[in-house]
PDB file of N, CA and C in Angstrom:
ATOM      1  N   MET A   1      21.343 -16.334   4.525  1.00  0.00           N
ATOM      2  CA  MET A   1      19.937 -16.651   4.452  1.00  0.00           C
ATOM      3  C   MET A   1      19.237 -16.031   5.667  1.00  0.00           C
ATOM      4  N   GLN A   2      18.226 -15.165   5.373  1.00  0.00           N
ATOM      5  CA  GLN A   2      17.483 -14.533   6.453  1.00  0.00           C
ATOM      6  C   GLN A   2      16.313 -15.415   6.881  1.00  0.00           C
ATOM      7  N   ARG A   3      16.059 -15.403   8.177  1.00  0.00           N
ATOM      8  CA  ARG A   3      14.949 -16.188   8.717  1.00  0.00           C
ATOM      9  C   ARG A   3      14.016 -15.279   9.501  1.00  0.00           C
ATOM     10  N   THR A   4      12.751 -15.669   9.561  1.00  0.00           N
ATOM     11  CA  THR A   4      11.770 -14.950  10.366  1.00  0.00           C
ATOM     12  C   THR A   4      11.929 -15.360  11.823  1.00  0.00           C
ATOM     13  N   ALA A   5      11.180 -14.711  12.700  1.00  0.00           N
ATOM     14  CA  ALA A   5      11.208 -15.062  14.121  1.00  0.00           C
ATOM     15  C   ALA A   5      10.754 -16.508  14.339  1.00  0.00           C
ATOM     16  N   ALA A   6       9.933 -17.026  13.425  1.00  0.00           N
ATOM     17  CA  ALA A   6       9.451 -18.409  13.551  1.00  0.00           C
ATOM     18  C   ALA A   6      10.421 -19.404  12.923  1.00  0.00           C
ATOM     19  N   GLY A   7      11.573 -18.914  12.425  1.00  0.00           N
ATOM     20  CA  GLY A   7      12.570 -19.790  11.851  1.00  0.00           C
ATOM     21  C   GLY A   7      12.371 -20.110  10.380  1.00  0.00           C
ATOM     22  N   LEU A   8      11.412 -19.450   9.732  1.00  0.00           N
ATOM     23  CA  LEU A   8      11.175 -19.667   8.308  1.00  0.00           C
ATOM     24  C   LEU A   8      12.153 -18.847   7.469  1.00  0.00           C
ATOM     25  N   ASN A   9      12.531 -19.368   6.340  1.00  0.00           N
ATOM     26  CA  ASN A   9      13.360 -18.633   5.404  1.00  0.00           C
ATOM     27  C   ASN A   9      12.504 -17.528   4.784  1.00  0.00           C
ATOM     28  N   LEU A  10      12.989 -16.271   4.782  1.00  0.00           N
ATOM     29  CA  LEU A  10      12.207 -15.156   4.239  1.00  0.00           C
ATOM     30  C   LEU A  10      11.845 -15.356   2.775  1.00  0.00           C
ATOM     31  N   SER A  11      12.719 -15.996   1.996  1.00  0.00           N
ATOM     32  CA  SER A  11      12.388 -16.213   0.588  1.00  0.00           C
ATOM     33  C   SER A  11      11.169 -17.124   0.456  1.00  0.00           C
ATOM     34  N   THR A  12      11.003 -18.061   1.363  1.00  0.00           N
ATOM     35  CA  THR A  12       9.815 -18.926   1.362  1.00  0.00           C
ATOM     36  C   THR A  12       8.561 -18.111   1.654  1.00  0.00           C
ATOM     37  N   VAL A  13       8.655 -17.192   2.607  1.00  0.00           N
ATOM     38  CA  VAL A  13       7.522 -16.343   2.967  1.00  0.00           C
ATOM     39  C   VAL A  13       7.114 -15.499   1.763  1.00  0.00           C
ATOM     40  N   TYR A  14       8.077 -14.851   1.097  1.00  0.00           N
ATOM     41  CA  TYR A  14       7.744 -13.993  -0.039  1.00  0.00           C
ATOM     42  C   TYR A  14       7.253 -14.791  -1.236  1.00  0.00           C
ATOM     43  N   ARG A  15       7.768 -15.980  -1.460  1.00  0.00           N
ATOM     44  CA  ARG A  15       7.246 -16.831  -2.546  1.00  0.00           C
ATOM     45  C   ARG A  15       5.797 -17.220  -2.262  1.00  0.00           C
ATOM     46  N   THR A  16       5.504 -17.522  -1.010  1.00  0.00           N
ATOM     47  CA  THR A  16       4.136 -17.866  -0.623  1.00  0.00           C
ATOM     48  C   THR A  16       3.206 -16.678  -0.819  1.00  0.00           C
ATOM     49  N   LEU A  17       3.635 -15.485  -0.399  1.00  0.00           N
ATOM     50  CA  LEU A  17       2.829 -14.284  -0.603  1.00  0.00           C
ATOM     51  C   LEU A  17       2.598 -14.021  -2.088  1.00  0.00           C
ATOM     52  N   ASP A  18       3.605 -14.274  -2.913  1.00  0.00           N
ATOM     53  CA  ASP A  18       3.474 -14.097  -4.363  1.00  0.00           C
ATOM     54  C   ASP A  18       2.395 -15.035  -4.918  1.00  0.00           C
ATOM     55  N   VAL A  19       2.388 -16.278  -4.481  1.00  0.00           N
ATOM     56  CA  VAL A  19       1.368 -17.245  -4.918  1.00  0.00           C
ATOM     57  C   VAL A  19      -0.017 -16.795  -4.445  1.00  0.00           C
ATOM     58  N   LEU A  20      -0.127 -16.356  -3.190  1.00  0.00           N
ATOM     59  CA  LEU A  20      -1.410 -15.892  -2.660  1.00  0.00           C
ATOM     60  C   LEU A  20      -1.924 -14.684  -3.437  1.00  0.00           C
ATOM     61  N   GLU A  21      -1.012 -13.820  -3.878  1.00  0.00           N
ATOM     62  CA  GLU A  21      -1.421 -12.668  -4.675  1.00  0.00           C
ATOM     63  C   GLU A  21      -1.881 -13.114  -6.070  1.00  0.00           C
ATOM     64  N   LYS A  22      -1.192 -14.050  -6.663  1.00  0.00           N
ATOM     65  CA  LYS A  22      -1.566 -14.539  -7.995  1.00  0.00           C
ATOM     66  C   LYS A  22      -2.942 -15.196  -7.997  1.00  0.00           C
ATOM     67  N   VAL A  23      -3.324 -15.836  -6.910  1.00  0.00           N
ATOM     68  CA  VAL A  23      -4.648 -16.464  -6.854  1.00  0.00           C
ATOM     69  C   VAL A  23      -5.714 -15.514  -6.296  1.00  0.00           C
ATOM     70  N   GLY A  24      -5.327 -14.266  -5.998  1.00  0.00           N
ATOM     71  CA  GLY A  24      -6.287 -13.243  -5.611  1.00  0.00           C
ATOM     72  C   GLY A  24      -6.655 -13.172  -4.149  1.00  0.00           C
ATOM     73  N   LEU A  25      -5.891 -13.808  -3.282  1.00  0.00           N
ATOM     74  CA  LEU A  25      -6.218 -13.769  -1.853  1.00  0.00           C
ATOM     75  C   LEU A  25      -5.602 -12.584  -1.117  1.00  0.00           C
ATOM     76  N   VAL A  26      -4.451 -12.106  -1.584  1.00  0.00           N
ATOM     77  CA  VAL A  26      -3.810 -10.936  -0.984  1.00  0.00           C
ATOM     78  C   VAL A  26      -3.416  -9.960  -2.078  1.00  0.00           C
ATOM     79  N   THR A  27      -3.160  -8.736  -1.678  1.00  0.00           N
ATOM     80  CA  THR A  27      -2.648  -7.699  -2.567  1.00  0.00           C
ATOM     81  C   THR A  27      -1.553  -6.960  -1.828  1.00  0.00           C
ATOM     82  N   HIS A  28      -0.677  -6.283  -2.565  1.00  0.00           N
ATOM     83  CA  HIS A  28       0.416  -5.587  -1.891  1.00  0.00           C
ATOM     84  C   HIS A  28       0.463  -4.119  -2.287  1.00  0.00           C
ATOM     85  N   THR A  29       1.086  -3.341  -1.441  1.00  0.00           N
ATOM     86  CA  THR A  29       1.324  -1.922  -1.674  1.00  0.00           C
ATOM     87  C   THR A  29       2.722  -1.606  -1.188  1.00  0.00           C
ATOM     88  N   LEU A  30       3.409  -0.739  -1.927  1.00  0.00           N
ATOM     89  CA  LEU A  30       4.732  -0.286  -1.500  1.00  0.00           C
ATOM     90  C   LEU A  30       4.565   0.975  -0.677  1.00  0.00           C
ATOM     91  N   LEU A  31       5.140   0.974   0.510  1.00  0.00           N
ATOM     92  CA  LEU A  31       5.005   2.110   1.427  1.00  0.00           C
ATOM     93  C   LEU A  31       6.311   2.877   1.569  1.00  0.00           C
ATOM     94  N   GLY A  32       7.171   2.747   0.619  1.00  0.00           N
ATOM     95  CA  GLY A  32       8.468   3.423   0.662  1.00  0.00           C
ATOM     96  C   GLY A  32       9.557   2.463   0.257  1.00  0.00           C
ATOM     97  N   ALA A  33      10.731   2.646   0.825  1.00  0.00           N
ATOM     98  CA  ALA A  33      11.898   1.857   0.435  1.00  0.00           C
ATOM     99  C   ALA A  33      11.917   0.457   1.028  1.00  0.00           C
ATOM    100  N   GLY A  34      11.082   0.183   1.997  1.00  0.00           N
ATOM    101  CA  GLY A  34      11.085  -1.123   2.645  1.00  0.00           C
ATOM    102  C   GLY A  34      10.329  -2.172   1.863  1.00  0.00           C
ATOM    103  N   PRO A  35      10.094  -3.307   2.489  1.00  0.00           N
ATOM    104  CA  PRO A  35       9.361  -4.382   1.816  1.00  0.00           C
ATOM    105  C   PRO A  35       7.897  -3.988   1.609  1.00  0.00           C
ATOM    106  N   PRO A  36       7.203  -4.664   0.685  1.00  0.00           N
ATOM    107  CA  PRO A  36       5.794  -4.347   0.455  1.00  0.00           C
ATOM    108  C   PRO A  36       4.937  -4.677   1.673  1.00  0.00           C
ATOM    109  N   SER A  37       3.804  -4.010   1.764  1.00  0.00           N
ATOM    110  CA  SER A  37       2.810  -4.278   2.791  1.00  0.00           C
ATOM    111  C   SER A  37       1.696  -5.100   2.150  1.00  0.00           C
ATOM    112  N   TYR A  38       1.304  -6.203   2.768  1.00  0.00           N
ATOM    113  CA  TYR A  38       0.286  -7.095   2.212  1.00  0.00           C
ATOM    114  C   TYR A  38      -1.005  -6.984   2.995  1.00  0.00           C
ATOM    115  N   HIS A  39      -2.130  -7.103   2.268  1.00  0.00           N
ATOM    116  CA  HIS A  39      -3.464  -7.085   2.863  1.00  0.00           C
ATOM    117  C   HIS A  39      -4.289  -8.193   2.239  1.00  0.00           C
ATOM    118  N   LEU A  40      -5.246  -8.702   2.976  1.00  0.00           N
ATOM    119  CA  LEU A  40      -6.225  -9.585   2.371  1.00  0.00           C
ATOM    120  C   LEU A  40      -6.965  -8.795   1.298  1.00  0.00           C
ATOM    121  N   THR A  41      -7.245  -9.402   0.172  1.00  0.00           N
ATOM    122  CA  THR A  41      -7.889  -8.702  -0.932  1.00  0.00           C
ATOM    123  C   THR A  41      -9.203  -8.070  -0.500  1.00  0.00           C
ATOM    124  N   GLU A  42      -9.978  -8.768   0.307  1.00  0.00           N
ATOM    125  CA  GLU A  42     -11.274  -8.231   0.736  1.00  0.00           C
ATOM    126  C   GLU A  42     -11.135  -7.018   1.653  1.00  0.00           C
ATOM    127  N   GLU A  43      -9.937  -6.778   2.192  1.00  0.00           N
ATOM    128  CA  GLU A  43      -9.711  -5.627   3.071  1.00  0.00           C
ATOM    129  C   GLU A  43      -8.786  -4.589   2.428  1.00  0.00           C
ATOM    130  N   ALA A  44      -8.573  -4.678   1.120  1.00  0.00           N
ATOM    131  CA  ALA A  44      -7.552  -3.860   0.465  1.00  0.00           C
ATOM    132  C   ALA A  44      -8.062  -2.525  -0.063  1.00  0.00           C
ATOM    133  N   ASP A  45      -9.353  -2.263  -0.001  1.00  0.00           N
ATOM    134  CA  ASP A  45      -9.886  -1.038  -0.588  1.00  0.00           C
ATOM    135  C   ASP A  45      -9.704   0.158   0.338  1.00  0.00           C
ATOM    136  N   HIS A  46      -8.474   0.644   0.393  1.00  0.00           N
ATOM    137  CA  HIS A  46      -8.156   1.858   1.138  1.00  0.00           C
ATOM    138  C   HIS A  46      -6.859   2.451   0.592  1.00  0.00           C
ATOM    139  N   LEU A  47      -6.629   3.702   0.901  1.00  0.00           N
ATOM    140  CA  LEU A  47      -5.389   4.381   0.536  1.00  0.00           C
ATOM    141  C   LEU A  47      -4.439   4.315   1.715  1.00  0.00           C
ATOM    142  N   HIS A  48      -3.166   4.419   1.432  1.00  0.00           N
ATOM    143  CA  HIS A  48      -2.166   4.539   2.487  1.00  0.00           C
ATOM    144  C   HIS A  48      -1.613   5.953   2.449  1.00  0.00           C
ATOM    145  N   VAL A  49      -1.473   6.562   3.610  1.00  0.00           N
ATOM    146  CA  VAL A  49      -0.790   7.849   3.723  1.00  0.00           C
ATOM    147  C   VAL A  49       0.385   7.648   4.675  1.00  0.00           C
ATOM    148  N   VAL A  50       1.547   8.115   4.251  1.00  0.00           N
ATOM    149  CA  VAL A  50       2.787   7.908   5.000  1.00  0.00           C
ATOM    150  C   VAL A  50       3.394   9.260   5.321  1.00  0.00           C
ATOM    151  N   CYS A  51       3.636   9.515   6.603  1.00  0.00           N
ATOM    152  CA  CYS A  51       4.246  10.773   7.027  1.00  0.00           C
ATOM    153  C   CYS A  51       5.762  10.691   6.851  1.00  0.00           C
ATOM    154  N   ARG A  52       6.312  11.641   6.136  1.00  0.00           N
ATOM    155  CA  ARG A  52       7.769  11.695   5.949  1.00  0.00           C
ATOM    156  C   ARG A  52       8.474  12.210   7.208  1.00  0.00           C
ATOM    157  N   GLY A  53       7.718  12.817   8.123  1.00  0.00           N
ATOM    158  CA  GLY A  53       8.311  13.319   9.355  1.00  0.00           C
ATOM    159  C   GLY A  53       8.516  12.229  10.390  1.00  0.00           C
ATOM    160  N   CYS A  54       7.427  11.574  10.780  1.00  0.00           N
ATOM    161  CA  CYS A  54       7.493  10.575  11.859  1.00  0.00           C
ATOM    162  C   CYS A  54       7.413   9.135  11.358  1.00  0.00           C
ATOM    163  N   GLY A  55       7.086   8.945  10.091  1.00  0.00           N
ATOM    164  CA  GLY A  55       7.013   7.601   9.529  1.00  0.00           C
ATOM    165  C   GLY A  55       5.694   6.887   9.758  1.00  0.00           C
ATOM    166  N   GLN A  56       4.728   7.557  10.383  1.00  0.00           N
ATOM    167  CA  GLN A  56       3.431   6.934  10.646  1.00  0.00           C
ATOM    168  C   GLN A  56       2.744   6.561   9.330  1.00  0.00           C
ATOM    169  N   VAL A  57       2.190   5.352   9.276  1.00  0.00           N
ATOM    170  CA  VAL A  57       1.425   4.883   8.120  1.00  0.00           C
ATOM    171  C   VAL A  57      -0.024   4.760   8.554  1.00  0.00           C
ATOM    172  N   SER A  58      -0.931   5.381   7.796  1.00  0.00           N
ATOM    173  CA  SER A  58      -2.355   5.318   8.112  1.00  0.00           C
ATOM    174  C   SER A  58      -3.127   4.857   6.886  1.00  0.00           C
ATOM    175  N   ASP A  59      -4.235   4.188   7.134  1.00  0.00           N
ATOM    176  CA  ASP A  59      -5.161   3.817   6.074  1.00  0.00           C
ATOM    177  C   ASP A  59      -6.282   4.837   6.084  1.00  0.00           C
ATOM    178  N   THR A  60      -6.773   5.186   4.898  1.00  0.00           N
ATOM    179  CA  THR A  60      -7.879   6.126   4.804  1.00  0.00           C
ATOM    180  C   THR A  60      -8.805   5.680   3.680  1.00  0.00           C
ATOM    181  N   ALA A  61      -9.970   6.281   3.607  1.00  0.00           N
ATOM    182  CA  ALA A  61     -10.998   5.864   2.644  1.00  0.00           C
ATOM    183  C   ALA A  61     -10.531   6.009   1.199  1.00  0.00           C
ATOM    184  N   LEU A  62     -10.772   4.982   0.421  1.00  0.00           N
ATOM    185  CA  LEU A  62     -10.415   4.974  -0.994  1.00  0.00           C
ATOM    186  C   LEU A  62     -11.112   6.098  -1.756  1.00  0.00           C
ATOM    187  N   GLU A  63     -12.299   6.472  -1.302  1.00  0.00           N
ATOM    188  CA  GLU A  63     -13.073   7.515  -1.980  1.00  0.00           C
ATOM    189  C   GLU A  63     -12.368   8.864  -2.005  1.00  0.00           C
ATOM    190  N   LEU A  64     -11.402   9.086  -1.129  1.00  0.00           N
ATOM    191  CA  LEU A  64     -10.668  10.347  -1.142  1.00  0.00           C
ATOM    192  C   LEU A  64      -9.906  10.547  -2.451  1.00  0.00           C
ATOM    193  N   ALA A  65      -9.639   9.471  -3.181  1.00  0.00           N
ATOM    194  CA  ALA A  65      -8.914   9.555  -4.452  1.00  0.00           C
ATOM    195  C   ALA A  65      -9.846   9.668  -5.654  1.00  0.00           C
ATOM    196  N   ASP A  66     -11.162   9.682  -5.432  1.00  0.00           N
ATOM    197  CA  ASP A  66     -12.111   9.680  -6.549  1.00  0.00           C
ATOM    198  C   ASP A  66     -11.860  10.803  -7.546  1.00  0.00           C
ATOM    199  N   GLY A  67     -11.627  12.005  -7.059  1.00  0.00           N
ATOM    200  CA  GLY A  67     -11.395  13.136  -7.968  1.00  0.00           C
ATOM    201  C   GLY A  67     -10.162  12.930  -8.832  1.00  0.00           C
ATOM    202  N   LEU A  68      -9.090  12.444  -8.232  1.00  0.00           N
ATOM    203  CA  LEU A  68      -7.862  12.174  -8.978  1.00  0.00           C
ATOM    204  C   LEU A  68      -8.081  11.083 -10.012  1.00  0.00           C
ATOM    205  N   VAL A  69      -8.743   9.996  -9.607  1.00  0.00           N
ATOM    206  CA  VAL A  69      -9.000   8.877 -10.518  1.00  0.00           C
ATOM    207  C   VAL A  69      -9.848   9.346 -11.698  1.00  0.00           C
ATOM    208  N   GLU A  70     -10.885  10.132 -11.442  1.00  0.00           N
ATOM    209  CA  GLU A  70     -11.747  10.653 -12.509  1.00  0.00           C
ATOM    210  C   GLU A  70     -10.980  11.563 -13.462  1.00  0.00           C
ATOM    211  N   ARG A  71     -10.158  12.440 -12.922  1.00  0.00           N
ATOM    212  CA  ARG A  71      -9.383  13.356 -13.784  1.00  0.00           C
ATOM    213  C   ARG A  71      -8.378  12.603 -14.630  1.00  0.00           C
ATOM    214  N   LEU A  72      -7.721  11.599 -14.066  1.00  0.00           N
ATOM    215  CA  LEU A  72      -6.783  10.794 -14.858  1.00  0.00           C
ATOM    216  C   LEU A  72      -7.502  10.124 -16.023  1.00  0.00           C
ATOM    217  N   ARG A  73      -8.695   9.583 -15.750  1.00  0.00           N
ATOM    218  CA  ARG A  73      -9.463   8.917 -16.802  1.00  0.00           C
ATOM    219  C   ARG A  73      -9.939   9.922 -17.848  1.00  0.00           C
ATOM    220  N   ASP A  74     -10.528  11.036 -17.399  1.00  0.00           N
ATOM    221  CA  ASP A  74     -11.114  12.012 -18.313  1.00  0.00           C
ATOM    222  C   ASP A  74     -10.074  12.787 -19.117  1.00  0.00           C
ATOM    223  N   GLU A  75      -8.964  13.153 -18.481  1.00  0.00           N
ATOM    224  CA  GLU A  75      -7.990  14.025 -19.134  1.00  0.00           C
ATOM    225  C   GLU A  75      -6.921  13.303 -19.935  1.00  0.00           C
ATOM    226  N   ILE A  76      -6.526  12.104 -19.485  1.00  0.00           N
ATOM    227  CA  ILE A  76      -5.474  11.412 -20.238  1.00  0.00           C
ATOM    228  C   ILE A  76      -5.834   9.974 -20.595  1.00  0.00           C
ATOM    229  N   GLY A  77      -7.074   9.561 -20.274  1.00  0.00           N
ATOM    230  CA  GLY A  77      -7.516   8.221 -20.635  1.00  0.00           C
ATOM    231  C   GLY A  77      -6.892   7.109 -19.817  1.00  0.00           C
ATOM    232  N   PHE A  78      -6.394   7.432 -18.626  1.00  0.00           N
ATOM    233  CA  PHE A  78      -5.716   6.454 -17.776  1.00  0.00           C
ATOM    234  C   PHE A  78      -6.667   5.941 -16.714  1.00  0.00           C
ATOM    235  N   GLU A  79      -6.846   4.627 -16.650  1.00  0.00           N
ATOM    236  CA  GLU A  79      -7.710   4.006 -15.645  1.00  0.00           C
ATOM    237  C   GLU A  79      -6.849   3.602 -14.442  1.00  0.00           C
ATOM    238  N   ALA A  80      -6.925   4.378 -13.363  1.00  0.00           N
ATOM    239  CA  ALA A  80      -6.071   4.172 -12.196  1.00  0.00           C
ATOM    240  C   ALA A  80      -6.681   3.176 -11.222  1.00  0.00           C
ATOM    241  N   ASP A  81      -5.829   2.386 -10.586  1.00  0.00           N
ATOM    242  CA  ASP A  81      -6.218   1.489  -9.508  1.00  0.00           C
ATOM    243  C   ASP A  81      -5.712   2.118  -8.213  1.00  0.00           C
ATOM    244  N   ALA A  82      -6.552   2.911  -7.583  1.00  0.00           N
ATOM    245  CA  ALA A  82      -6.138   3.665  -6.397  1.00  0.00           C
ATOM    246  C   ALA A  82      -5.906   2.766  -5.187  1.00  0.00           C
ATOM    247  N   ARG A  83      -6.307   1.491  -5.248  1.00  0.00           N
ATOM    248  CA  ARG A  83      -6.049   0.580  -4.123  1.00  0.00           C
ATOM    249  C   ARG A  83      -4.557   0.377  -3.904  1.00  0.00           C
ATOM    250  N   HIS A  84      -3.761   0.686  -4.899  1.00  0.00           N
ATOM    251  CA  HIS A  84      -2.311   0.536  -4.781  1.00  0.00           C
ATOM    252  C   HIS A  84      -1.629   1.897  -4.612  1.00  0.00           C
ATOM    253  N   LEU A  85      -2.401   2.899  -4.221  1.00  0.00           N
ATOM    254  CA  LEU A  85      -1.874   4.251  -4.094  1.00  0.00           C
ATOM    255  C   LEU A  85      -1.367   4.508  -2.676  1.00  0.00           C
ATOM    256  N   THR A  86      -0.149   5.015  -2.592  1.00  0.00           N
ATOM    257  CA  THR A  86       0.422   5.454  -1.327  1.00  0.00           C
ATOM    258  C   THR A  86       0.790   6.920  -1.491  1.00  0.00           C
ATOM    259  N   VAL A  87       0.304   7.750  -0.587  1.00  0.00           N
ATOM    260  CA  VAL A  87       0.564   9.185  -0.642  1.00  0.00           C
ATOM    261  C   VAL A  87       1.524   9.533   0.491  1.00  0.00           C
ATOM    262  N   PHE A  88       2.606  10.209   0.130  1.00  0.00           N
ATOM    263  CA  PHE A  88       3.607  10.634   1.106  1.00  0.00           C
ATOM    264  C   PHE A  88       3.432  12.115   1.391  1.00  0.00           C
ATOM    265  N   GLY A  89       3.641  12.496   2.626  1.00  0.00           N
ATOM    266  CA  GLY A  89       3.528  13.898   3.026  1.00  0.00           C
ATOM    267  C   GLY A  89       3.877  14.040   4.487  1.00  0.00           C
ATOM    268  N   ARG A  90       3.208  14.983   5.158  1.00  0.00           N
ATOM    269  CA  ARG A  90       3.453  15.208   6.578  1.00  0.00           C
ATOM    270  C   ARG A  90       2.133  15.187   7.319  1.00  0.00           C
ATOM    271  N   CYS A  91       2.077  14.439   8.411  1.00  0.00           N
ATOM    272  CA  CYS A  91       0.856  14.319   9.209  1.00  0.00           C
ATOM    273  C   CYS A  91       0.571  15.629   9.936  1.00  0.00           C
ATOM    274  N   ARG A  92      -0.619  15.714  10.496  1.00  0.00           N
ATOM    275  CA  ARG A  92      -1.057  16.910  11.231  1.00  0.00           C
ATOM    276  C   ARG A  92      -0.090  17.245  12.362  1.00  0.00           C
ATOM    277  N   THR A  93       0.348  16.245  13.118  1.00  0.00           N
ATOM    278  CA  THR A  93       1.261  16.484  14.246  1.00  0.00           C
ATOM    279  C   THR A  93       2.592  17.052  13.770  1.00  0.00           C
ATOM    280  N   CYS A  94       3.171  16.460  12.743  1.00  0.00           N
ATOM    281  CA  CYS A  94       4.466  16.925  12.235  1.00  0.00           C
ATOM    282  C   CYS A  94       4.350  18.303  11.588  1.00  0.00           C
ATOM    283  N   ARG A  95       3.225  18.580  10.962  1.00  0.00           N
ATOM    284  CA  ARG A  95       3.026  19.902  10.338  1.00  0.00           C
ATOM    285  C   ARG A  95       2.911  21.003  11.379  1.00  0.00           C
ATOM    286  N   SER A  96       2.332  20.691  12.533  1.00  0.00           N
ATOM    287  CA  SER A  96       2.126  21.729  13.550  1.00  0.00           C
ATOM    288  C   SER A  96       3.316  21.864  14.497  1.00  0.00           C
ATOM    289  N   GLY A  97       4.258  20.928  14.413  1.00  0.00           N
ATOM    290  CA  GLY A  97       5.363  20.920  15.368  1.00  0.00           C
ATOM    291  C   GLY A  97       6.598  21.561  14.910  1.00  0.00           C
TER     292      GLY A  97
END
C-alpha cells in the first residue's frame, strides 16, 4: 500500500480526485506514462506541451489548437476537446542544443 507524504493512502487520493472530476470541480490530462495531471476545472482551458528531451511540461494558450480543432470538425466531423490535449515534442532549448 502506497502512502503520500501526509500519510494518506494513494488509492484514497485518486478515488477522491475521481469524485471531484465527476462533479465537475477538477479535470485531468495525461502527460505521458506517469499519473494524470489534475487542474481545477475553471483553470483547465490550456494545452500542455511536453519536451521529450528534458521532460519540461508547459501550459500554453488553448487557442493555439483552434486550427486543428476546426479541421477535425470540418473534414471528419469530429468535435475535439482540446483541453485534454497534450503535445509531445522538443522545446526550444533542446532543439538548439
